Protein backbone atom coordinates (compact mmCIF):
# COMPACT_ATOMS: atom_id res chain seq x y z
CA MET A 1 67.51 22.74 7.52
CA SER A 2 68.42 26.15 8.88
CA GLU A 3 66.10 28.94 9.95
CA THR A 4 67.54 31.14 7.20
CA GLU A 5 66.55 28.65 4.50
CA LEU A 6 63.07 28.30 5.97
CA PHE A 7 62.49 32.05 6.09
CA ALA A 8 63.76 32.29 2.50
CA ALA A 9 61.10 29.73 1.55
CA TYR A 10 58.44 31.81 3.31
CA ALA A 11 59.60 34.92 1.44
CA ALA A 12 59.45 33.04 -1.86
CA ILE A 13 55.89 31.89 -1.15
CA GLY A 14 54.88 35.45 -0.29
CA SER A 15 56.45 36.83 -3.46
CA MET A 16 54.68 34.23 -5.61
CA ALA A 17 51.38 35.20 -3.97
CA ILE A 18 51.80 38.96 -4.44
CA ALA A 19 53.05 38.91 -8.06
CA PRO A 20 49.89 37.56 -9.77
CA ILE A 21 47.69 39.74 -7.56
CA TYR A 22 49.55 42.92 -8.47
CA PHE A 23 49.91 42.33 -12.20
CA GLY A 24 46.54 40.61 -12.55
CA SER A 25 44.78 43.57 -10.93
CA PHE A 26 46.27 46.04 -13.39
CA SER A 27 45.54 43.67 -16.25
CA SER A 28 41.86 43.70 -15.24
CA LEU A 29 41.57 47.41 -16.08
CA ASP A 30 39.51 47.94 -19.22
CA ARG A 31 40.44 50.22 -22.06
CA LEU A 32 38.56 53.50 -21.75
CA LYS A 33 35.93 54.33 -24.36
CA SER A 34 35.86 57.74 -26.01
CA ALA A 35 34.60 59.57 -29.08
CA HIS A 36 38.17 60.16 -30.28
CA LYS A 37 38.69 58.49 -33.64
CA LYS A 38 35.31 56.88 -33.25
CA ARG A 39 34.81 54.23 -35.87
CA GLU A 40 32.76 51.19 -36.60
CA ARG A 41 34.10 48.20 -34.68
CA SER A 42 35.63 45.80 -37.15
CA GLU A 43 34.70 42.16 -36.89
CA PHE A 44 38.13 41.31 -38.25
CA ALA A 45 40.61 43.54 -36.43
CA GLU A 46 43.93 43.82 -38.23
CA TYR A 47 46.42 44.12 -35.38
CA SER A 48 46.81 42.45 -32.01
CA ASP A 49 46.48 45.67 -30.00
CA SER A 50 42.98 46.38 -31.26
CA GLU A 51 40.27 47.09 -28.71
CA ASP A 52 38.35 44.22 -30.29
CA GLU A 53 40.89 41.94 -28.66
CA GLU A 54 39.47 42.62 -25.18
CA GLU A 55 38.60 39.37 -23.44
CA GLU A 56 35.19 38.83 -21.92
CA SER A 57 35.20 38.72 -18.13
CA GLU A 58 33.00 36.75 -15.74
CA ALA A 59 31.02 38.88 -13.30
CA VAL A 60 30.40 37.66 -9.74
CA SER A 61 27.18 38.99 -8.18
CA ALA A 62 26.07 38.84 -4.55
CA GLU A 63 23.99 35.75 -5.33
CA ASP A 64 27.07 34.03 -6.77
CA ALA A 65 29.13 35.05 -3.75
CA TYR A 66 26.64 33.41 -1.37
CA MET A 67 27.07 30.12 -3.25
CA PHE A 68 30.89 30.11 -3.30
CA PRO A 69 31.27 28.25 0.04
CA VAL A 70 28.59 25.73 -0.96
CA TYR A 71 30.17 24.87 -4.30
CA GLY A 72 33.64 24.86 -2.76
CA SER A 73 32.55 22.48 0.00
CA LEU A 74 30.92 20.09 -2.47
CA ALA A 75 34.02 20.03 -4.66
CA LEU A 76 36.41 19.63 -1.72
CA PHE A 77 34.47 16.82 -0.06
CA SER A 78 34.00 15.03 -3.39
CA LEU A 79 37.76 15.05 -3.95
CA TYR A 80 38.33 13.79 -0.42
CA MET A 81 36.00 10.83 -1.00
CA ILE A 82 37.52 10.09 -4.39
CA PHE A 83 41.03 9.96 -2.96
CA LYS A 84 39.83 7.85 -0.05
CA TYR A 85 38.07 5.12 -2.03
CA LEU A 86 39.68 5.14 -5.48
CA ASN A 87 43.18 4.54 -6.74
CA LYS A 88 45.09 7.73 -5.97
CA GLU A 89 47.56 7.30 -8.83
CA TRP A 90 44.85 7.00 -11.50
CA VAL A 91 42.90 9.92 -10.06
CA ASN A 92 45.99 12.11 -10.08
CA PHE A 93 46.81 10.99 -13.62
CA LEU A 94 43.39 12.08 -14.90
CA LEU A 95 43.37 15.32 -12.94
CA SER A 96 46.92 16.14 -14.02
CA GLY A 97 45.94 15.67 -17.66
CA TYR A 98 42.94 17.95 -17.25
CA PHE A 99 44.93 20.67 -15.51
CA ALA A 100 47.70 20.30 -18.06
CA LEU A 101 45.31 21.24 -20.86
CA LEU A 102 44.13 24.24 -18.87
CA GLY A 103 47.76 25.07 -18.13
CA VAL A 104 48.66 25.25 -21.81
CA ALA A 105 45.93 27.83 -22.40
CA ALA A 106 46.81 29.82 -19.26
CA LEU A 107 50.56 29.83 -19.93
CA THR A 108 49.96 30.88 -23.53
CA GLN A 109 47.84 33.85 -22.51
CA VAL A 110 50.23 34.98 -19.79
CA THR A 111 53.24 34.68 -22.11
CA VAL A 112 51.53 36.69 -24.84
CA ARG A 113 50.42 39.41 -22.41
CA THR A 114 53.89 39.61 -20.86
CA VAL A 115 55.73 39.88 -24.18
CA LYS A 116 53.30 42.44 -25.58
CA GLY A 117 53.31 44.43 -22.33
CA ILE A 118 57.11 44.65 -22.24
CA SER A 119 57.81 45.15 -25.94
CA GLY A 120 54.63 46.91 -27.10
CA ILE A 121 54.89 44.92 -30.31
CA LYS A 122 52.08 44.96 -32.89
CA LEU A 123 51.45 41.70 -34.69
CA PRO A 124 49.07 40.75 -37.51
CA LEU A 125 45.89 39.30 -36.03
CA TYR A 126 44.35 36.19 -37.57
CA HIS A 127 40.72 35.15 -37.19
CA LEU A 128 39.21 31.68 -37.29
CA HIS A 129 35.43 31.63 -37.69
CA LEU A 130 33.00 28.72 -37.71
CA VAL A 131 29.61 29.86 -39.03
CA HIS A 132 26.21 28.15 -38.94
CA HIS A 133 23.34 29.79 -40.86
CA THR A 134 25.13 33.17 -40.91
CA LYS A 135 25.60 32.99 -37.12
CA THR A 136 29.08 32.67 -35.64
CA ALA A 137 29.27 29.44 -33.67
CA PHE A 138 32.99 29.76 -32.83
CA HIS A 139 35.47 32.60 -33.19
CA VAL A 140 39.09 32.73 -32.09
CA ARG A 141 41.73 35.42 -32.64
CA PHE A 142 45.44 34.69 -32.57
CA THR A 143 48.83 35.95 -33.67
CA ASN A 144 52.12 34.28 -34.51
CA LEU A 145 53.14 34.93 -30.91
CA HIS A 146 50.18 32.84 -29.73
CA LEU A 147 51.35 29.92 -31.84
CA VAL A 148 54.93 30.12 -30.57
CA SER A 149 53.77 30.48 -26.95
CA MET A 150 51.38 27.56 -27.30
CA ALA A 151 54.13 25.33 -28.66
CA ALA A 152 56.45 26.26 -25.78
CA SER A 153 53.64 25.74 -23.26
CA ALA A 154 52.87 22.32 -24.71
CA VAL A 155 56.53 21.28 -24.33
CA ALA A 156 56.59 22.52 -20.72
CA THR A 157 53.34 20.66 -20.02
CA ALA A 158 54.69 17.41 -21.42
CA TYR A 159 57.80 17.74 -19.26
CA TYR A 160 55.66 18.44 -16.18
CA LEU A 161 53.50 15.35 -16.76
CA TRP A 162 56.65 13.25 -17.06
CA SER A 163 58.68 14.73 -14.19
CA LYS A 164 56.18 16.50 -11.87
CA ASN A 165 58.76 19.27 -11.59
CA TRP A 166 57.78 21.72 -8.84
CA ILE A 167 59.11 24.76 -10.72
CA ILE A 168 56.87 24.15 -13.75
CA SER A 169 54.01 23.39 -11.38
CA ASN A 170 54.51 26.85 -9.90
CA PHE A 171 54.43 28.41 -13.36
CA PHE A 172 51.08 26.73 -13.96
CA GLY A 173 49.77 27.93 -10.60
CA LEU A 174 50.89 31.51 -11.21
CA ALA A 175 49.35 31.47 -14.70
CA PHE A 176 46.05 30.17 -13.32
CA SER A 177 46.04 32.86 -10.62
CA PHE A 178 46.87 35.68 -13.03
CA SER A 179 44.19 34.60 -15.51
CA ALA A 180 41.54 34.22 -12.80
CA ILE A 181 42.25 37.64 -11.27
CA THR A 182 42.17 39.23 -14.72
CA LEU A 183 38.93 37.64 -15.90
CA ILE A 184 36.79 37.17 -12.76
CA ARG A 185 35.23 40.43 -11.63
CA LEU A 186 33.27 41.22 -8.50
CA ASP A 187 30.40 43.55 -9.38
CA SER A 188 30.49 45.48 -6.08
CA PHE A 189 32.16 45.70 -2.66
CA ARG A 190 29.06 44.13 -1.16
CA SER A 191 29.55 41.02 -3.30
CA GLY A 192 33.24 40.97 -2.42
CA MET A 193 32.64 41.15 1.32
CA ILE A 194 29.98 38.44 1.12
CA MET A 195 32.45 36.23 -0.74
CA LEU A 196 35.28 36.86 1.73
CA GLY A 197 33.00 36.28 4.72
CA GLY A 198 31.58 33.04 3.34
CA LEU A 199 34.97 31.63 2.42
CA PHE A 200 36.30 32.68 5.83
CA VAL A 201 33.80 30.28 7.43
CA TYR A 202 34.52 27.67 4.76
CA ASP A 203 38.27 27.75 5.35
CA VAL A 204 38.03 27.64 9.14
CA PHE A 205 35.60 24.74 9.12
CA TRP A 206 37.46 22.51 6.68
CA VAL A 207 40.90 23.15 8.20
CA PHE A 208 40.17 23.21 11.93
CA GLY A 209 37.01 21.12 11.98
CA THR A 210 38.10 18.23 9.76
CA GLU A 211 41.13 16.68 8.12
CA VAL A 212 39.59 17.11 4.66
CA MET A 213 41.43 20.24 3.48
CA VAL A 214 44.90 19.08 4.55
CA SER A 215 44.32 15.57 3.19
CA VAL A 216 43.25 16.81 -0.25
CA ALA A 217 46.12 19.31 -0.41
CA LYS A 218 48.67 16.56 0.28
CA ASN A 219 47.17 13.95 -2.05
CA PHE A 220 46.17 16.21 -4.94
CA ASP A 221 49.18 16.08 -7.25
CA ALA A 222 48.16 18.91 -9.60
CA PRO A 223 49.12 22.58 -9.95
CA ILE A 224 46.55 23.96 -7.50
CA LYS A 225 49.15 25.46 -5.15
CA VAL A 226 52.49 27.23 -5.18
CA VAL A 227 55.31 25.50 -3.33
CA PHE A 228 58.91 26.14 -2.34
CA PRO A 229 61.44 23.78 -0.73
CA LYS A 230 62.17 24.34 2.94
CA THR A 231 65.76 23.57 2.01
CA LEU A 232 67.22 23.27 -1.46
CA PHE A 233 69.86 20.78 -0.33
CA PRO A 234 68.33 18.22 2.04
CA GLU A 235 70.67 16.25 4.27
CA ASP A 236 71.63 12.70 3.28
CA GLY A 237 70.09 13.19 -0.15
CA GLY A 238 66.54 12.95 1.16
CA LYS A 239 63.41 14.16 -0.61
CA LEU A 240 62.58 17.83 -0.77
CA GLN A 241 60.10 19.07 1.79
CA PHE A 242 57.90 21.98 0.75
CA THR A 243 56.00 24.84 2.25
CA MET A 244 52.86 25.61 0.24
CA LEU A 245 50.05 28.06 -0.32
CA GLY A 246 46.80 27.16 -2.07
CA LEU A 247 45.75 29.10 -5.17
CA GLY A 248 42.46 29.97 -3.48
CA ASP A 249 44.40 32.05 -0.95
CA ILE A 250 45.78 34.03 -3.89
CA VAL A 251 42.80 34.25 -6.25
CA VAL A 252 40.02 35.04 -3.75
CA PRO A 253 41.74 38.07 -2.16
CA GLY A 254 43.21 38.89 -5.58
CA ILE A 255 39.88 39.52 -7.29
CA PHE A 256 38.91 41.69 -4.31
CA LEU A 257 42.10 43.74 -4.68
CA ALA A 258 41.44 44.07 -8.41
CA LEU A 259 38.03 45.53 -7.53
CA CYS A 260 39.76 48.03 -5.23
CA LEU A 261 42.03 49.12 -8.07
CA ARG A 262 39.12 49.58 -10.47
CA PHE A 263 37.28 51.61 -7.83
CA ASP A 264 40.36 53.82 -7.42
CA ARG A 265 40.35 54.47 -11.16
CA HIS A 266 36.60 55.11 -11.13
CA GLN A 267 36.98 57.74 -8.41
CA TYR A 268 39.77 59.45 -10.32
CA LEU A 269 37.85 59.46 -13.61
CA THR A 270 34.79 60.87 -11.86
CA ARG A 271 36.83 63.73 -10.41
CA ILE A 272 38.33 64.72 -13.77
CA GLY A 273 34.96 64.56 -15.54
CA TYR A 274 35.43 61.50 -17.73
CA GLN A 275 32.33 60.26 -19.56
CA PRO A 276 32.20 57.17 -21.81
CA ASP A 277 31.92 57.88 -25.55
CA LYS A 278 32.92 61.51 -24.96
CA THR A 279 36.21 63.23 -25.66
CA LEU A 280 38.88 62.20 -23.15
CA PRO A 281 39.68 64.79 -20.46
CA LYS A 282 42.99 66.59 -20.90
CA ALA A 283 44.28 65.11 -17.63
CA LEU A 284 44.54 61.70 -19.32
CA GLY A 285 46.88 63.00 -22.00
CA GLY A 286 44.99 61.15 -24.72
CA LYS A 287 45.64 57.76 -23.12
CA HIS A 288 42.89 55.14 -23.03
CA ARG A 289 44.87 52.98 -20.62
CA GLY A 290 48.23 53.04 -18.88
CA PHE A 291 47.69 56.47 -17.30
CA GLY A 292 48.51 57.12 -13.66
CA PHE A 293 45.93 57.67 -10.95
CA PRO A 294 45.85 57.62 -7.11
CA THR A 295 45.40 54.12 -5.67
CA PRO A 296 44.65 54.47 -1.94
CA TYR A 297 42.20 51.56 -1.73
CA PHE A 298 44.37 49.18 -3.71
CA TYR A 299 47.55 49.77 -1.73
CA ALA A 300 45.73 49.78 1.60
CA CYS A 301 44.20 46.41 0.76
CA LEU A 302 47.50 45.10 -0.63
CA ALA A 303 49.28 46.08 2.61
CA ALA A 304 46.53 44.34 4.57
CA TYR A 305 46.97 41.22 2.42
CA VAL A 306 50.72 41.17 3.03
CA GLY A 307 50.13 41.62 6.76
CA GLY A 308 47.52 38.86 6.83
CA LEU A 309 49.77 36.49 4.90
CA ALA A 310 52.70 37.24 7.22
CA THR A 311 50.45 36.53 10.21
CA THR A 312 49.38 33.22 8.68
CA ILE A 313 52.98 32.13 8.10
CA SER A 314 54.06 33.26 11.57
CA VAL A 315 51.29 31.32 13.32
CA MET A 316 52.02 28.28 11.18
CA HIS A 317 55.72 28.52 12.00
CA VAL A 318 55.16 28.87 15.74
CA PHE A 319 52.53 26.15 16.16
CA LYS A 320 53.92 23.83 13.46
CA ALA A 321 50.42 23.28 12.09
CA ALA A 322 48.59 24.15 8.88
CA GLN A 323 46.60 27.38 9.06
CA PRO A 324 43.52 28.51 7.08
CA ALA A 325 44.98 31.57 5.36
CA LEU A 326 41.57 33.16 4.75
CA LEU A 327 41.08 33.24 8.52
CA TYR A 328 43.52 36.16 8.49
CA LEU A 329 43.26 37.42 4.90
CA SER A 330 39.48 37.90 4.69
CA PRO A 331 39.15 40.23 7.72
CA ALA A 332 42.34 42.05 6.76
CA CYS A 333 41.14 42.90 3.24
CA THR A 334 37.60 43.75 4.36
CA PHE A 335 38.61 46.09 7.17
CA ALA A 336 41.27 47.73 4.98
CA VAL A 337 38.58 48.89 2.54
CA LEU A 338 36.14 49.93 5.28
CA LEU A 339 38.76 51.93 7.19
CA THR A 340 40.08 53.60 4.03
CA ALA A 341 36.56 54.57 2.96
CA ALA A 342 35.77 55.92 6.43
CA ALA A 343 39.01 57.92 6.58
CA ARG A 344 38.33 59.46 3.15
CA GLY A 345 34.61 60.02 3.77
CA GLU A 346 33.67 57.77 0.84
CA VAL A 347 31.72 54.96 2.52
CA LYS A 348 28.56 55.81 0.58
CA GLU A 349 30.43 55.99 -2.74
CA ALA A 350 32.19 52.68 -2.07
CA PHE A 351 28.98 50.76 -1.41
CA ALA A 352 27.15 52.50 -4.28
CA TYR A 353 29.85 51.52 -6.77
CA THR A 354 28.86 48.77 -9.17
CA GLU A 355 30.46 47.23 -12.22
CA LEU A 356 27.22 46.39 -13.99
CA THR A 357 28.30 47.96 -17.28
CA ASP A 358 26.14 49.96 -19.65
CA GLU A 359 26.44 47.14 -22.16
CA GLU A 360 25.00 44.65 -19.67
CA GLU A 361 22.15 47.00 -18.78
CA ASP A 362 21.50 47.64 -22.46
CA SER A 363 21.54 43.92 -23.19
CA GLU A 364 18.88 43.31 -20.53
CA THR A 365 16.75 46.09 -21.98
CA ALA A 366 17.44 44.89 -25.49
CA ASP A 367 16.34 41.36 -24.60
CA GLY A 368 12.93 42.67 -23.61
CA ALA A 369 12.76 44.92 -26.65
CA ARG A 370 13.75 42.04 -28.92
CA GLY A 371 10.93 39.96 -27.48
CA LYS A 372 8.41 42.70 -28.26
CA GLY A 373 9.95 43.36 -31.66
CA LYS A 374 9.80 39.69 -32.52
CA LYS A 375 6.07 39.61 -31.84
CA LYS A 376 5.56 42.67 -34.02
CA ASP A 377 7.59 41.09 -36.82
CA GLU A 378 5.53 37.93 -36.61
CA ALA A 379 2.33 39.96 -36.79
CA ALA A 380 3.63 41.85 -39.81
CA ALA A 381 4.68 38.60 -41.48
CA LEU A 382 1.14 37.22 -41.09
CA GLY A 383 -0.13 40.17 -43.11
CA PRO A 384 -2.74 42.82 -42.39
CA HIS A 385 -5.63 40.39 -42.95
CA ARG A 386 -5.02 38.82 -39.58
CA TYR A 387 -6.76 41.80 -38.06
CA ASN A 388 -8.75 43.56 -40.80
CA LEU A 389 -9.17 42.30 -44.34
CA ARG A 390 -9.29 45.80 -45.78
CA LYS A 391 -6.90 47.57 -43.46
CA GLN A 392 -3.80 47.61 -45.72
CA PRO A 393 -3.06 46.46 -49.26
CA ALA A 394 -1.13 43.27 -49.69
CA ALA A 395 1.32 45.16 -51.87
CA SER A 396 2.68 46.78 -48.73
CA GLY A 397 5.12 43.91 -48.48
CA ALA A 398 3.77 42.30 -45.32
CA GLY A 399 4.66 38.67 -45.21
CA ILE A 400 7.04 38.90 -48.19
CA MET A 401 10.54 37.55 -47.58
CA THR A 402 13.29 39.70 -49.03
CA PRO A 403 16.68 38.21 -49.97
CA ALA A 404 18.31 39.98 -47.00
CA SER A 405 15.87 38.57 -44.45
CA ALA A 406 16.00 35.15 -46.04
CA GLY A 407 19.70 34.87 -45.35
CA GLU A 408 19.12 35.51 -41.65
CA LEU A 409 16.49 32.84 -41.15
CA ALA A 410 16.92 29.17 -40.52
CA ASP A 411 15.34 26.70 -42.94
CA ASP A 412 12.27 26.03 -40.80
CA GLU A 413 11.63 29.76 -40.38
CA GLN A 414 11.86 30.30 -44.13
CA GLU A 415 9.24 27.61 -44.69
CA GLY A 416 6.95 29.35 -42.20
CA VAL A 417 7.32 32.68 -44.00
CA LYS A 418 6.59 31.06 -47.37
CA THR A 419 3.43 29.49 -45.94
CA ARG A 420 2.25 32.82 -44.59
CA LYS A 421 2.93 34.44 -47.95
CA VAL A 422 0.66 31.92 -49.71
CA LEU A 423 -2.06 32.48 -47.12
CA ASP A 424 -1.81 36.24 -47.64
CA GLU A 425 -2.34 35.85 -51.38
CA LYS A 426 -5.40 33.65 -50.85
CA VAL A 427 -7.03 35.83 -48.23
CA SER A 428 -6.27 39.26 -49.74
CA PRO A 429 -9.46 41.10 -50.82
CA ILE A 430 -10.26 41.99 -54.43
CA SER A 431 -9.65 45.67 -53.90
CA ASP A 432 -6.14 44.90 -52.63
CA ARG A 433 -5.01 42.86 -55.63
CA SER A 434 -2.90 44.16 -58.45
CA ASP A 435 -4.21 44.98 -61.92
CA THR A 436 -2.52 41.93 -63.40
CA GLU A 437 -4.89 39.54 -61.55
CA SER A 438 -7.96 38.27 -63.52
CA VAL A 439 -10.90 40.04 -61.91
CA ALA A 440 -14.43 40.45 -63.42
CA PRO A 441 -14.73 43.92 -64.98
CA SER A 442 -17.08 46.41 -63.43
CA THR A 443 -18.61 49.56 -64.94
CA PRO A 444 -17.52 52.59 -62.98
CA SER A 445 -20.32 55.03 -62.10
CA LYS A 446 -19.94 58.57 -63.39
CA PRO A 447 -20.24 61.41 -60.98
CA LYS A 448 -23.16 63.83 -61.33
CA GLY A 449 -22.57 66.87 -63.49
CA ALA A 450 -19.80 65.24 -65.44
CA LYS A 451 -19.73 66.26 -69.12
CA ARG A 452 -19.90 63.65 -71.80
CA GLY A 453 -16.99 63.47 -74.15
CA PRO A 454 -17.35 63.58 -77.97
CA LYS A 455 -18.69 60.46 -79.64
CA PRO A 456 -16.39 58.48 -81.90
CA LYS A 457 -16.92 59.00 -85.61
CA ASN A 458 -17.89 55.39 -86.29
CA ALA A 459 -20.31 55.13 -83.37
CA GLY A 460 -23.42 55.73 -85.54
CA ALA A 461 -22.33 53.11 -88.10
CA LYS A 462 -22.05 50.47 -85.39
CA ALA A 463 -25.57 51.31 -84.17
CA LYS A 464 -27.08 50.93 -87.67
CA SER A 465 -25.38 47.61 -88.24
CA LYS A 466 -26.93 46.26 -85.05
CA LYS A 467 -30.40 47.22 -86.24
């Protein structure tokens, strides 16, 4: 094994770490909203480039960031104990099967995004809905490209399970990293720095303080790391020896870099006067995505990541010992953002930035409003007689179930509405009932000064007959 081959392996590891971070960060950028060609969102979008195809992301708050080291430690130590006391081959078989299923989904998504991003192709979009009581229990959208990609991913997965090929394992790892960086979003720089700081302590403790991290990494035969042979042609036909980097050292800084990129875009859009649901500023050229903008925070943090990763590899190479990469990556990424913000005079703006979207704020408000509205609906369904027997007529429709509302209710709710309807009819006062009900007649009193009308011609004859 020559030094040249070893440095080539280090370069390959670095390239595999940077690629998903770079492309995943840009993939995390949402499509801008505007009033241009505003239309009702279709539940069944026709083509695969529709804005309805946007995937839901998972937000990470400061509270979540505090718990990252705790959950990571529990998972890591559990795996260590499992490998120590159970059959390693069976454990790896089960874990490999689980990650293989996840790998099929991740590879499919990455393949579809890559093909569509390069070709810009539009494909018919198919929808599969499972509905329960008019509510969608399951909904999936797919194209023909999804089906082809899934078939190819399934074949690659089967080959990986049979051969444990390191190249396919890397494809899985890169797909996992890309998907995670795209879909997991930090809601603020504060949350990101808490996460990096907590995992900094986590990494140092489990690597330097115990043998747990290294032991799990060596025994865990699943695509949770990217690897590259130290030499492609080992002497005497021996086994390949690999240098490796865990996916956590890619994903954790990666979602922080993606936040930096989104903040760069936010600053640019603020300067040009962009407002959601308004006409796009002329500077965007009518583009909802794919437009250029300055990226000082992203590239400063990316340069810091490359420097931190190079430092990790250098220390590992010199001391011939495994290194906790986040020991170098976490401070590098954190200080890169702080120094860039200080140099640009945007420290206040950086820490005030949040990705709690208007939809999420509206949903929280709507949840409270729905609770109040539900109580009002229940009161209306019970009828006006719950409060005042003569307040409103029963004909106002309170407590009556229309065909439209009936379709939205579950069976037990419909029974409850029917019961309330019967109670309304029984309790409703006489003055509120319709003319068709059998009610004892009453003689209306005539107002004073009212003139009598002419008598009927046969009125006198009826009086004589009575006598």
